[in-house]
Amino acid sequence: MNPVRRRRLLFVVAVVAASALSMTLVALALQRNVAYLYTPHEVLGGAAGPAVTSGEARFRLGGMVAGDSFSRAEGSMEARFRVTDGDAELPVRYTGLLPDLFREHQAVVATGRMDGDTFVAEQVLARHDETYVPKEVADKMGLAHDRHGIETPTDASSAQ
């Protein structure tokens, strides 16, 4: 083989190998930072997978804050509440300041890990206004409402 062609071939092979290696490293880095959204029913039912239920995987928990479930010990930053999707309730523990819009019967998305039967949140996000619910949560909550025959505000307005 001509020495010039051989050098070009080696250069092309090196560029392709370096590109493949860099793409693999980027994919692995992105995969570690992905936090999937699950509802309490999916977590407790095992549909979220063994890594989620064992506490290995970090994920987002979406649903509504259950009524009469919020508690905070006096002088403590640790808050405890339950998140529900209409099918199941999951206890949540969070240490820190909760968002101003955090209330019972409001949409919430918490990021964290399972610790036994309790979800330990690292971050808690509350809904933005009266009509906002994150799309993923709205879709999953809508399925739960359909299963239980709960009428939603959209159902009521379209029936008129």
Protein backbone atom coordinates (compact mmCIF):
# COMPACT_ATOMS: atom_id res chain seq x y z
CA MET A 1 0.00 0.00 0.00
CA ASN A 2 1.16 3.49 -0.82
CA PRO A 3 2.60 5.21 2.32
CA VAL A 4 0.39 8.30 1.80
CA ARG A 5 -2.77 6.19 1.52
CA ARG A 6 -1.73 4.17 4.56
CA ARG A 7 -1.28 7.37 6.61
CA ARG A 8 -4.70 8.65 5.48
CA LEU A 9 -6.32 5.34 6.36
CA LEU A 10 -4.74 5.32 9.83
CA PHE A 11 -5.82 8.93 10.32
CA VAL A 12 -9.44 8.12 9.34
CA VAL A 13 -9.48 5.04 11.60
CA ALA A 14 -8.11 7.13 14.50
CA VAL A 15 -10.75 9.85 13.96
CA VAL A 16 -13.58 7.27 13.83
CA ALA A 17 -12.29 5.54 16.99
CA ALA A 18 -11.95 8.85 18.85
CA SER A 19 -15.47 9.88 17.77
CA ALA A 20 -16.93 6.57 18.91
CA LEU A 21 -15.15 6.83 22.26
CA SER A 22 -16.32 10.41 22.84
CA MET A 23 -19.93 9.55 21.90
CA THR A 24 -19.86 6.61 24.32
CA LEU A 25 -18.58 8.82 27.14
CA VAL A 26 -21.23 11.47 26.43
CA ALA A 27 -23.99 8.84 26.39
CA LEU A 28 -22.81 7.39 29.72
CA ALA A 29 -22.64 10.85 31.32
CA LEU A 30 -26.14 11.74 30.14
CA GLN A 31 -27.55 8.40 31.28
CA ARG A 32 -26.30 8.98 34.83
CA ASN A 33 -28.02 12.38 35.00
CA VAL A 34 -31.42 11.24 33.75
CA ALA A 35 -34.15 11.20 36.40
CA TYR A 36 -37.33 9.51 35.19
CA LEU A 37 -40.74 10.56 36.52
CA TYR A 38 -42.84 7.92 38.26
CA THR A 39 -46.11 8.04 40.20
CA PRO A 40 -46.56 6.44 43.63
CA HIS A 41 -48.56 3.60 42.03
CA GLU A 42 -45.69 2.79 39.64
CA VAL A 43 -43.09 2.86 42.43
CA LEU A 44 -45.07 0.77 44.92
CA GLY A 45 -46.33 -1.60 42.22
CA GLY A 46 -42.82 -2.33 40.97
CA ALA A 47 -43.39 -0.93 37.46
CA ALA A 48 -40.57 1.57 38.05
CA GLY A 49 -38.04 -1.25 38.33
CA PRO A 50 -35.89 -2.78 41.06
CA ALA A 51 -33.23 -0.02 40.95
CA VAL A 52 -35.88 2.55 41.87
CA THR A 53 -37.54 0.58 44.68
CA SER A 54 -34.17 -0.43 46.18
CA GLY A 55 -32.96 3.19 46.36
CA GLU A 56 -30.12 2.74 43.86
CA ALA A 57 -31.65 5.00 41.21
CA ARG A 58 -32.47 8.68 41.56
CA PHE A 59 -35.88 9.56 40.09
CA ARG A 60 -38.67 12.13 40.10
CA LEU A 61 -41.88 11.39 41.99
CA GLY A 62 -44.95 13.17 40.65
CA GLY A 63 -48.47 13.50 41.97
CA MET A 64 -50.58 15.51 44.38
CA VAL A 65 -49.81 16.24 48.03
CA ALA A 66 -52.38 14.20 49.96
CA GLY A 67 -54.77 16.04 52.26
CA ASP A 68 -53.95 16.12 55.99
CA SER A 69 -50.57 14.54 55.35
CA PHE A 70 -48.14 17.42 55.87
CA SER A 71 -46.21 17.59 59.14
CA ARG A 72 -43.08 19.31 60.36
CA ALA A 73 -41.60 18.93 63.82
CA GLU A 74 -41.29 22.22 65.65
CA GLY A 75 -37.84 23.74 65.21
CA SER A 76 -36.96 21.28 62.47
CA MET A 77 -36.41 21.71 58.74
CA GLU A 78 -37.59 18.15 58.06
CA ALA A 79 -41.00 18.00 56.40
CA ARG A 80 -43.06 14.84 55.96
CA PHE A 81 -46.01 14.46 53.62
CA ARG A 82 -47.60 11.90 51.30
CA VAL A 83 -47.80 12.09 47.50
CA THR A 84 -50.76 10.43 45.81
CA ASP A 85 -51.77 9.69 42.24
CA GLY A 86 -55.28 8.49 43.07
CA ASP A 87 -54.19 4.84 43.15
CA ALA A 88 -51.49 4.85 45.83
CA GLU A 89 -49.84 7.09 48.39
CA LEU A 90 -46.12 7.27 49.06
CA PRO A 91 -44.63 8.90 52.18
CA VAL A 92 -42.04 11.59 51.45
CA ARG A 93 -39.36 13.08 53.71
CA TYR A 94 -37.67 16.36 52.76
CA THR A 95 -35.19 18.48 54.69
CA GLY A 96 -35.06 22.09 53.58
CA LEU A 97 -37.25 25.01 52.59
CA LEU A 98 -40.36 24.07 50.66
CA PRO A 99 -41.53 26.25 47.74
CA ASP A 100 -44.00 29.03 48.59
CA LEU A 101 -46.70 27.38 46.46
CA PHE A 102 -46.38 24.02 48.25
CA ARG A 103 -49.77 23.02 49.72
CA GLU A 104 -51.90 19.97 50.29
CA HIS A 105 -54.06 18.97 47.29
CA GLN A 106 -51.55 20.63 44.92
CA ALA A 107 -49.33 19.12 42.22
CA VAL A 108 -45.76 18.40 43.24
CA VAL A 109 -42.68 16.89 41.63
CA ALA A 110 -39.92 15.72 43.98
CA THR A 111 -36.48 14.41 42.99
CA GLY A 112 -34.71 11.89 45.20
CA ARG A 113 -34.38 8.20 46.13
CA MET A 114 -36.27 5.55 48.04
CA ASP A 115 -35.14 4.69 51.58
CA GLY A 116 -37.12 1.63 52.57
CA ASP A 117 -40.79 2.54 52.15
CA THR A 118 -40.15 6.31 52.22
CA PHE A 119 -39.11 8.59 49.37
CA VAL A 120 -36.30 10.91 50.51
CA ALA A 121 -36.52 14.07 48.41
CA GLU A 122 -33.49 16.17 47.53
CA GLN A 123 -35.57 18.77 45.69
CA VAL A 124 -39.29 19.62 45.74
CA LEU A 125 -41.04 21.63 43.02
CA ALA A 126 -44.60 22.90 43.39
CA ARG A 127 -46.97 23.91 40.64
CA HIS A 128 -46.73 27.41 39.20
CA ASP A 129 -50.32 28.63 39.11
CA GLU A 130 -53.90 27.43 39.42
CA THR A 131 -53.98 25.54 36.13
CA TYR A 132 -50.41 24.27 35.81
CA VAL A 133 -49.54 20.63 36.30
CA PRO A 134 -46.41 19.17 34.67
CA LYS A 135 -47.43 17.32 31.49
CA GLU A 136 -46.03 13.97 32.61
CA VAL A 137 -47.89 14.23 35.93
CA ALA A 138 -51.11 15.39 34.23
CA ASP A 139 -51.04 12.44 31.83
CA LYS A 140 -50.47 9.91 34.59
CA MET A 141 -52.99 11.57 36.95
CA GLY A 142 -55.55 11.63 34.11
CA LEU A 143 -55.20 7.87 33.72
CA ALA A 144 -55.76 7.42 37.47
CA HIS A 145 -58.83 9.70 37.35
CA ASP A 146 -60.26 7.69 34.44
CA ARG A 147 -59.75 4.41 36.33
CA HIS A 148 -61.56 5.74 39.40
CA GLY A 149 -64.29 7.67 37.56
CA ILE A 150 -63.24 11.03 38.99
CA GLU A 151 -64.58 14.00 37.05
CA THR A 152 -61.92 16.58 36.22
CA PRO A 153 -62.57 20.30 35.56
CA THR A 154 -62.07 19.72 31.81
CA ASP A 155 -64.68 16.94 31.84
CA ALA A 156 -67.15 19.20 33.65
CA SER A 157 -66.65 22.14 31.23
CA SER A 158 -66.94 19.95 28.12
CA ALA A 159 -70.18 18.36 29.41
CA GLN A 160 -71.92 21.76 29.50
